N, C-alpha and C. Protein backbone atom coordinates (compact mmCIF):
# COMPACT_ATOMS: atom_id res chain seq x y z
N MET A 1 0.77 -1.21 -0.01
CA MET A 1 -0.01 0.07 0.04
C MET A 1 0.86 1.26 -0.02
N GLY A 2 2.06 1.13 -0.32
CA GLY A 2 2.93 2.16 -0.47
C GLY A 2 2.86 3.09 -1.60
N ARG A 3 1.96 2.83 -2.56
CA ARG A 3 1.71 3.61 -3.66
C ARG A 3 0.35 4.23 -3.74
N ARG A 4 -0.26 4.62 -2.75
CA ARG A 4 -1.56 5.32 -2.59
C ARG A 4 -1.52 6.52 -3.33
N TRP A 5 -0.33 7.17 -3.41
CA TRP A 5 -0.32 8.57 -4.07
C TRP A 5 -0.36 8.46 -5.52
N LEU A 6 -0.09 7.21 -6.19
CA LEU A 6 0.08 7.15 -7.58
C LEU A 6 -1.24 7.72 -8.35
N LEU A 7 -2.38 7.27 -7.98
CA LEU A 7 -3.67 7.52 -8.73
C LEU A 7 -3.89 9.15 -8.65
N PRO A 8 -3.78 9.78 -7.51
CA PRO A 8 -4.03 11.20 -7.40
C PRO A 8 -2.93 11.85 -8.27
N ALA A 9 -1.60 11.60 -8.20
CA ALA A 9 -0.71 12.10 -8.98
C ALA A 9 -0.95 12.13 -10.51
N LEU A 10 -1.45 10.80 -10.89
CA LEU A 10 -1.61 10.83 -12.30
C LEU A 10 -2.85 11.52 -12.69
N LEU A 11 -3.91 11.60 -11.85
CA LEU A 11 -5.02 12.52 -12.24
C LEU A 11 -4.65 14.03 -12.23
N LEU A 12 -3.85 14.39 -11.36
CA LEU A 12 -3.19 15.65 -11.18
C LEU A 12 -2.54 16.11 -12.64
N VAL A 13 -1.78 15.14 -13.17
CA VAL A 13 -0.95 15.27 -14.28
C VAL A 13 -2.01 15.53 -15.53
N ILE A 14 -3.03 14.63 -15.53
CA ILE A 14 -4.00 14.71 -16.52
C ILE A 14 -4.84 16.07 -16.55
N LEU A 15 -5.12 16.53 -15.35
CA LEU A 15 -5.77 17.87 -15.13
C LEU A 15 -4.91 18.94 -15.75
N LEU A 16 -3.63 18.97 -15.34
CA LEU A 16 -2.73 19.90 -15.99
C LEU A 16 -2.59 19.93 -17.52
N VAL A 17 -2.42 18.61 -17.96
CA VAL A 17 -2.43 18.51 -19.51
C VAL A 17 -3.75 19.06 -19.97
N ALA A 18 -4.79 18.80 -19.31
CA ALA A 18 -6.07 19.22 -20.00
C ALA A 18 -6.12 20.77 -20.07
N PHE A 19 -5.55 21.45 -18.99
CA PHE A 19 -5.66 22.83 -18.99
C PHE A 19 -4.71 23.38 -20.00
N VAL A 20 -3.51 22.78 -20.33
CA VAL A 20 -2.63 23.36 -21.32
C VAL A 20 -3.24 23.22 -22.65
N SER A 21 -4.00 22.13 -22.73
CA SER A 21 -4.49 21.89 -24.18
C SER A 21 -5.98 22.42 -24.25
N ARG A 22 -6.46 23.26 -23.46
CA ARG A 22 -7.80 23.92 -23.48
C ARG A 22 -8.10 24.65 -24.73
N TRP A 23 -7.06 25.57 -24.97
CA TRP A 23 -7.40 26.51 -26.01
C TRP A 23 -6.72 26.15 -27.48
N GLU A 24 -7.48 26.20 -28.52
CA GLU A 24 -6.88 25.88 -29.88
C GLU A 24 -6.92 27.26 -30.65
N ASP A 25 -5.86 27.59 -31.14
CA ASP A 25 -5.73 28.77 -31.97
C ASP A 25 -6.20 28.43 -33.34
N LEU A 26 -7.35 29.10 -33.77
CA LEU A 26 -7.83 28.78 -35.09
C LEU A 26 -7.43 29.73 -36.18
N GLY A 27 -6.54 30.72 -35.94
CA GLY A 27 -5.85 31.56 -36.88
C GLY A 27 -6.33 33.01 -36.44
N THR A 28 -5.62 33.90 -37.14
CA THR A 28 -5.78 35.31 -37.06
C THR A 28 -6.26 35.95 -38.33
N ARG A 29 -7.13 37.03 -38.22
CA ARG A 29 -7.53 37.94 -39.36
C ARG A 29 -7.19 39.30 -39.08
N THR A 30 -6.54 39.97 -40.14
CA THR A 30 -6.11 41.29 -39.87
C THR A 30 -6.93 42.24 -40.96
N GLU A 31 -7.30 43.34 -40.44
CA GLU A 31 -7.87 44.31 -41.38
C GLU A 31 -7.44 45.71 -40.86
N ASP A 32 -6.80 46.37 -41.76
CA ASP A 32 -6.16 47.71 -41.52
C ASP A 32 -5.18 47.51 -40.20
N ALA A 33 -5.46 48.31 -39.09
CA ALA A 33 -4.77 48.11 -37.89
C ALA A 33 -5.35 47.18 -36.83
N LYS A 34 -6.35 46.42 -37.34
CA LYS A 34 -6.97 45.54 -36.28
C LYS A 34 -6.74 44.19 -36.55
N ARG A 35 -6.67 43.36 -35.39
CA ARG A 35 -6.35 42.03 -35.51
C ARG A 35 -7.40 41.25 -34.70
N ALA A 36 -7.85 40.18 -35.27
CA ALA A 36 -8.82 39.37 -34.52
C ALA A 36 -8.24 37.89 -34.49
N THR A 37 -8.00 37.42 -33.40
CA THR A 37 -7.38 36.01 -33.23
C THR A 37 -8.53 35.11 -32.72
N TYR A 38 -8.77 34.11 -33.40
CA TYR A 38 -9.93 33.18 -33.18
C TYR A 38 -9.21 32.02 -32.04
N LEU A 39 -9.92 31.75 -31.07
CA LEU A 39 -9.58 30.86 -30.15
C LEU A 39 -10.82 29.81 -29.94
N HIS A 40 -10.59 28.62 -29.80
CA HIS A 40 -11.59 27.69 -29.63
C HIS A 40 -11.36 26.95 -28.27
N ASP A 41 -12.39 27.21 -27.47
CA ASP A 41 -12.38 26.56 -26.09
C ASP A 41 -12.87 25.19 -26.12
N ARG A 42 -11.92 24.28 -26.10
CA ARG A 42 -12.32 22.86 -26.32
C ARG A 42 -13.29 22.21 -25.23
N TRP A 43 -13.14 22.95 -23.99
CA TRP A 43 -14.12 22.38 -22.94
C TRP A 43 -15.56 22.64 -23.08
N ALA A 44 -15.77 24.06 -23.41
CA ALA A 44 -16.98 24.43 -23.73
C ALA A 44 -17.63 24.42 -25.19
N GLY A 45 -16.66 24.15 -26.05
CA GLY A 45 -17.01 24.06 -27.33
C GLY A 45 -17.42 25.49 -28.05
N ARG A 46 -16.82 26.44 -27.48
CA ARG A 46 -17.19 27.83 -27.91
C ARG A 46 -16.04 28.42 -28.53
N VAL A 47 -16.29 29.42 -29.65
CA VAL A 47 -15.23 30.01 -30.25
C VAL A 47 -15.09 31.51 -29.74
N TRP A 48 -14.00 31.89 -29.41
CA TRP A 48 -13.89 33.23 -28.97
C TRP A 48 -13.07 34.11 -29.81
N VAL A 49 -13.18 35.48 -29.90
CA VAL A 49 -12.36 36.33 -30.63
C VAL A 49 -11.70 37.27 -29.89
N LYS A 50 -10.38 37.33 -29.95
CA LYS A 50 -9.60 38.31 -29.13
C LYS A 50 -9.13 39.23 -30.06
N TYR A 51 -9.53 40.59 -29.67
CA TYR A 51 -9.33 41.76 -30.55
C TYR A 51 -8.00 42.43 -29.96
N SER A 52 -7.26 43.02 -30.94
CA SER A 52 -6.24 43.87 -30.65
C SER A 52 -5.88 44.82 -31.81
N GLY A 53 -5.25 45.88 -31.49
CA GLY A 53 -4.82 46.80 -32.66
C GLY A 53 -5.50 48.32 -32.27
N VAL A 54 -5.69 49.15 -33.48
CA VAL A 54 -6.33 50.37 -33.30
C VAL A 54 -7.50 50.38 -34.19
N SER A 55 -8.67 50.90 -33.51
CA SER A 55 -9.85 50.99 -34.23
C SER A 55 -10.50 52.31 -34.02
N GLY A 56 -10.69 53.21 -34.98
CA GLY A 56 -11.28 54.43 -34.81
C GLY A 56 -10.49 55.41 -34.00
N GLY A 57 -9.19 55.15 -33.86
CA GLY A 57 -8.23 56.04 -33.12
C GLY A 57 -8.05 55.58 -31.67
N GLN A 58 -8.77 54.50 -31.27
CA GLN A 58 -8.71 53.92 -30.02
C GLN A 58 -8.05 52.60 -30.02
N LEU A 59 -7.16 52.36 -28.98
CA LEU A 59 -6.38 51.08 -28.86
C LEU A 59 -7.39 50.12 -28.30
N ILE A 60 -7.24 48.88 -28.98
CA ILE A 60 -8.04 47.76 -28.49
C ILE A 60 -7.00 46.87 -28.00
N ALA A 61 -6.94 46.69 -26.61
CA ALA A 61 -5.95 45.81 -25.97
C ALA A 61 -6.38 44.50 -25.46
N GLY A 62 -6.58 43.49 -26.30
CA GLY A 62 -6.88 42.16 -25.93
C GLY A 62 -8.26 42.00 -25.37
N GLU A 63 -9.30 42.71 -25.92
CA GLU A 63 -10.69 42.52 -25.64
C GLU A 63 -11.07 41.13 -26.23
N THR A 64 -11.63 40.44 -25.36
CA THR A 64 -12.04 38.95 -25.78
C THR A 64 -13.49 38.72 -25.69
N LEU A 65 -14.14 38.45 -26.81
CA LEU A 65 -15.61 38.32 -26.84
C LEU A 65 -16.03 36.89 -27.53
N ALA A 66 -17.25 36.47 -27.24
CA ALA A 66 -17.74 35.31 -27.84
C ALA A 66 -17.86 35.62 -29.32
N ALA A 67 -17.58 34.70 -30.16
CA ALA A 67 -17.72 35.02 -31.67
C ALA A 67 -19.23 34.65 -31.96
N HIS A 68 -19.68 35.86 -32.67
CA HIS A 68 -21.01 35.66 -33.30
C HIS A 68 -21.01 35.46 -34.82
N ASN A 69 -19.86 35.90 -35.48
CA ASN A 69 -19.80 35.82 -36.96
C ASN A 69 -18.44 35.36 -37.23
N LEU A 70 -18.16 34.11 -37.58
CA LEU A 70 -16.87 33.46 -37.77
C LEU A 70 -16.23 34.08 -39.19
N HIS A 71 -17.13 34.54 -40.05
CA HIS A 71 -16.64 34.82 -41.35
C HIS A 71 -16.18 36.31 -41.28
N ASN A 72 -16.76 37.21 -40.53
CA ASN A 72 -16.40 38.52 -40.57
C ASN A 72 -16.48 38.99 -39.08
N PRO A 73 -15.35 39.12 -38.46
CA PRO A 73 -15.44 39.38 -36.83
C PRO A 73 -15.67 40.96 -36.75
N TRP A 74 -15.63 41.75 -37.68
CA TRP A 74 -15.86 43.16 -37.53
C TRP A 74 -17.36 43.61 -37.50
N THR A 75 -18.25 42.63 -37.96
CA THR A 75 -19.58 43.07 -38.12
C THR A 75 -20.25 42.99 -36.72
N LYS A 76 -21.22 43.76 -36.51
CA LYS A 76 -21.99 43.78 -35.22
C LYS A 76 -23.31 43.12 -35.36
N PRO A 77 -23.65 42.54 -34.40
CA PRO A 77 -25.00 41.84 -34.48
C PRO A 77 -26.17 42.91 -34.49
N LEU A 78 -27.23 42.54 -34.89
CA LEU A 78 -28.45 43.51 -35.13
C LEU A 78 -28.89 44.03 -33.90
N ASP A 79 -29.02 43.05 -32.77
CA ASP A 79 -29.59 43.46 -31.47
C ASP A 79 -28.51 43.52 -30.55
N SER A 80 -28.10 44.68 -30.03
CA SER A 80 -26.97 44.89 -29.03
C SER A 80 -27.36 44.13 -27.77
N ARG A 81 -28.61 44.13 -27.29
CA ARG A 81 -28.94 43.59 -26.10
C ARG A 81 -28.70 41.89 -26.14
N ASN A 82 -29.00 41.38 -27.34
CA ASN A 82 -28.81 40.01 -27.46
C ASN A 82 -27.37 39.72 -27.47
N LYS A 83 -26.50 40.56 -28.08
CA LYS A 83 -25.03 40.37 -28.09
C LYS A 83 -24.52 40.48 -26.59
N GLU A 84 -24.90 41.39 -25.89
CA GLU A 84 -24.50 41.54 -24.37
C GLU A 84 -24.84 40.26 -23.56
N ALA A 85 -26.25 39.84 -23.91
CA ALA A 85 -26.63 38.52 -23.17
C ALA A 85 -25.79 37.33 -23.56
N ASN A 86 -25.34 37.30 -24.85
CA ASN A 86 -24.55 36.26 -25.32
C ASN A 86 -23.32 36.30 -24.74
N ILE A 87 -22.67 37.40 -24.60
CA ILE A 87 -21.37 37.68 -24.00
C ILE A 87 -21.42 37.29 -22.52
N LEU A 88 -22.37 37.69 -21.77
CA LEU A 88 -22.39 37.43 -20.40
C LEU A 88 -22.62 35.99 -20.16
N TYR A 89 -23.44 35.21 -21.01
CA TYR A 89 -23.68 33.81 -20.86
C TYR A 89 -22.29 33.10 -21.21
N ALA A 90 -21.61 33.51 -22.23
CA ALA A 90 -20.46 32.89 -22.72
C ALA A 90 -19.47 33.00 -21.61
N ARG A 91 -19.30 34.21 -21.17
CA ARG A 91 -18.26 34.47 -19.96
C ARG A 91 -18.61 33.79 -18.68
N ARG A 92 -19.80 33.57 -18.38
CA ARG A 92 -20.24 32.77 -17.27
C ARG A 92 -19.95 31.33 -17.46
N GLU A 93 -20.23 30.85 -18.69
CA GLU A 93 -19.88 29.34 -19.03
C GLU A 93 -18.34 29.13 -18.93
N ARG A 94 -17.52 30.04 -19.44
CA ARG A 94 -16.14 29.82 -19.34
C ARG A 94 -15.58 29.91 -17.93
N ALA A 95 -16.26 30.72 -17.09
CA ALA A 95 -15.87 30.79 -15.64
C ALA A 95 -16.37 29.71 -14.94
N ILE A 96 -17.42 29.02 -15.16
CA ILE A 96 -17.83 27.86 -14.64
C ILE A 96 -17.00 26.73 -14.88
N TRP A 97 -16.61 26.59 -16.26
CA TRP A 97 -15.54 25.50 -16.57
C TRP A 97 -14.18 25.70 -15.98
N THR A 98 -13.72 26.95 -15.80
CA THR A 98 -12.43 27.11 -15.11
C THR A 98 -12.59 26.95 -13.67
N GLY A 99 -13.66 27.35 -13.03
CA GLY A 99 -13.94 27.11 -11.69
C GLY A 99 -14.00 25.53 -11.31
N ALA A 100 -14.68 24.84 -12.10
CA ALA A 100 -14.67 23.41 -11.92
C ALA A 100 -13.41 22.82 -12.10
N TRP A 101 -12.58 23.21 -12.93
CA TRP A 101 -11.18 22.77 -13.23
C TRP A 101 -10.30 23.02 -11.90
N VAL A 102 -10.48 24.35 -11.32
CA VAL A 102 -9.76 24.65 -10.15
C VAL A 102 -10.19 23.82 -9.03
N VAL A 103 -11.44 23.55 -8.86
CA VAL A 103 -11.92 22.77 -7.62
C VAL A 103 -11.30 21.40 -7.73
N LEU A 104 -11.37 20.76 -9.05
CA LEU A 104 -10.81 19.55 -9.28
C LEU A 104 -9.34 19.34 -8.84
N VAL A 105 -8.57 20.48 -9.29
CA VAL A 105 -7.21 20.48 -9.01
C VAL A 105 -6.96 20.52 -7.63
N LEU A 106 -7.69 21.45 -6.81
CA LEU A 106 -7.48 21.51 -5.37
C LEU A 106 -7.76 20.29 -4.60
N ALA A 107 -8.96 19.71 -5.01
CA ALA A 107 -9.38 18.57 -4.41
C ALA A 107 -8.25 17.37 -4.60
N ASN A 108 -7.80 17.36 -5.89
CA ASN A 108 -6.89 16.35 -6.20
C ASN A 108 -5.48 16.50 -5.52
N ALA A 109 -5.13 17.71 -5.31
CA ALA A 109 -3.82 18.06 -4.53
C ALA A 109 -3.98 17.66 -3.15
N TYR A 110 -5.19 17.92 -2.64
CA TYR A 110 -5.41 17.48 -1.21
C TYR A 110 -5.31 16.11 -1.15
N TRP A 111 -6.00 15.37 -2.10
CA TRP A 111 -6.04 13.75 -2.00
C TRP A 111 -4.56 13.36 -2.13
N LEU A 112 -3.84 13.91 -3.02
CA LEU A 112 -2.40 13.54 -3.19
C LEU A 112 -1.69 13.81 -1.83
N TYR A 113 -1.70 14.89 -1.19
CA TYR A 113 -1.18 15.28 0.17
C TYR A 113 -1.48 14.21 1.20
N ALA A 114 -2.96 13.98 1.37
CA ALA A 114 -3.29 12.96 2.28
C ALA A 114 -2.71 11.61 2.07
N SER A 115 -2.76 11.21 0.69
CA SER A 115 -2.11 9.88 0.54
C SER A 115 -0.70 9.71 0.77
N LEU A 116 -0.01 10.88 0.47
CA LEU A 116 1.48 10.84 0.73
C LEU A 116 1.69 10.75 2.27
N LYS A 117 1.04 11.64 2.95
CA LYS A 117 1.06 11.56 4.42
C LYS A 117 0.61 10.21 5.09
N ARG A 118 -0.23 9.55 4.45
CA ARG A 118 -0.70 8.11 4.85
C ARG A 118 0.39 7.24 4.61
N SER A 119 0.91 7.30 3.41
CA SER A 119 2.04 6.45 3.11
C SER A 119 3.23 6.61 3.98
N ARG A 120 3.62 7.82 4.34
CA ARG A 120 4.69 8.05 5.14
C ARG A 120 4.54 7.57 6.70
N ALA A 121 3.31 7.75 7.11
CA ALA A 121 2.86 7.25 8.34
C ALA A 121 2.97 5.63 8.41
N SER A 122 2.44 5.11 7.54
CA SER A 122 2.54 3.45 7.34
C SER A 122 3.96 3.06 7.31
N GLN A 123 4.85 3.85 6.44
CA GLN A 123 6.10 3.36 6.45
C GLN A 123 6.99 3.61 7.88
N GLN A 124 6.67 4.73 8.55
CA GLN A 124 7.21 4.89 9.73
C GLN A 124 6.72 3.93 10.72
N ALA A 125 5.58 3.56 10.83
CA ALA A 125 5.01 2.65 11.66
C ALA A 125 5.68 1.19 11.23
N ALA A 126 5.84 0.81 10.08
CA ALA A 126 6.49 -0.48 9.70
C ALA A 126 7.94 -0.44 10.19
N SER A 127 8.58 0.69 9.96
CA SER A 127 10.08 0.63 10.28
C SER A 127 10.32 0.66 11.68
N SER A 128 9.41 1.37 12.55
CA SER A 128 9.58 1.33 14.02
C SER A 128 9.14 -0.14 14.51
N GLY A 129 8.22 -0.76 13.94
CA GLY A 129 7.89 -2.01 14.51
C GLY A 129 8.83 -3.02 14.17
N VAL A 130 9.76 -2.86 13.11
CA VAL A 130 10.88 -3.74 12.75
C VAL A 130 12.02 -3.43 13.65
N ALA A 131 12.10 -2.17 14.04
CA ALA A 131 13.33 -1.82 14.84
C ALA A 131 13.16 -2.28 16.29
N GLU A 132 12.09 -2.67 16.84
CA GLU A 132 11.79 -3.09 18.11
C GLU A 132 12.23 -4.48 18.15
C-alpha cells in the first residue's frame, strides 16, 4: 500500500495537461490596424475572438468576446442586447468550466497530500515495528 499517491498524482498530471490543451488557436484575421485572433475553447465548445490593434483612433488591447460571426469578426449583431446577453452567458460558461477545473485540481492536490501523508505514516510505523 505504499503507492496510494500514484492515482492522485496521475489525475493531477491529466488535469494539468487538460488545462494546457484547453485553447486551440484557429488563426488570425487582420484588417487595417485591427487584428482578430480566433480561439476555440475545447471544454465549452465555444469560439472566442480576441481583438487587438487600433480601431477608430482607440487602442483595442486584448478584448475577448464570444464569436457571433466567424466569417467577418468586425460585423456587429443586429440586436445589441442579444449580443450583451450572449457575451455574459459565454463568460459565465467559461468561468464555470475554469472554476470546476480549479476545484478538481485543489481536491486532487489535497487527495495527493493525504495519500502521501498516509504512506509516510505507514512506512514509519512499519520501520519502528521492525526496529523493536
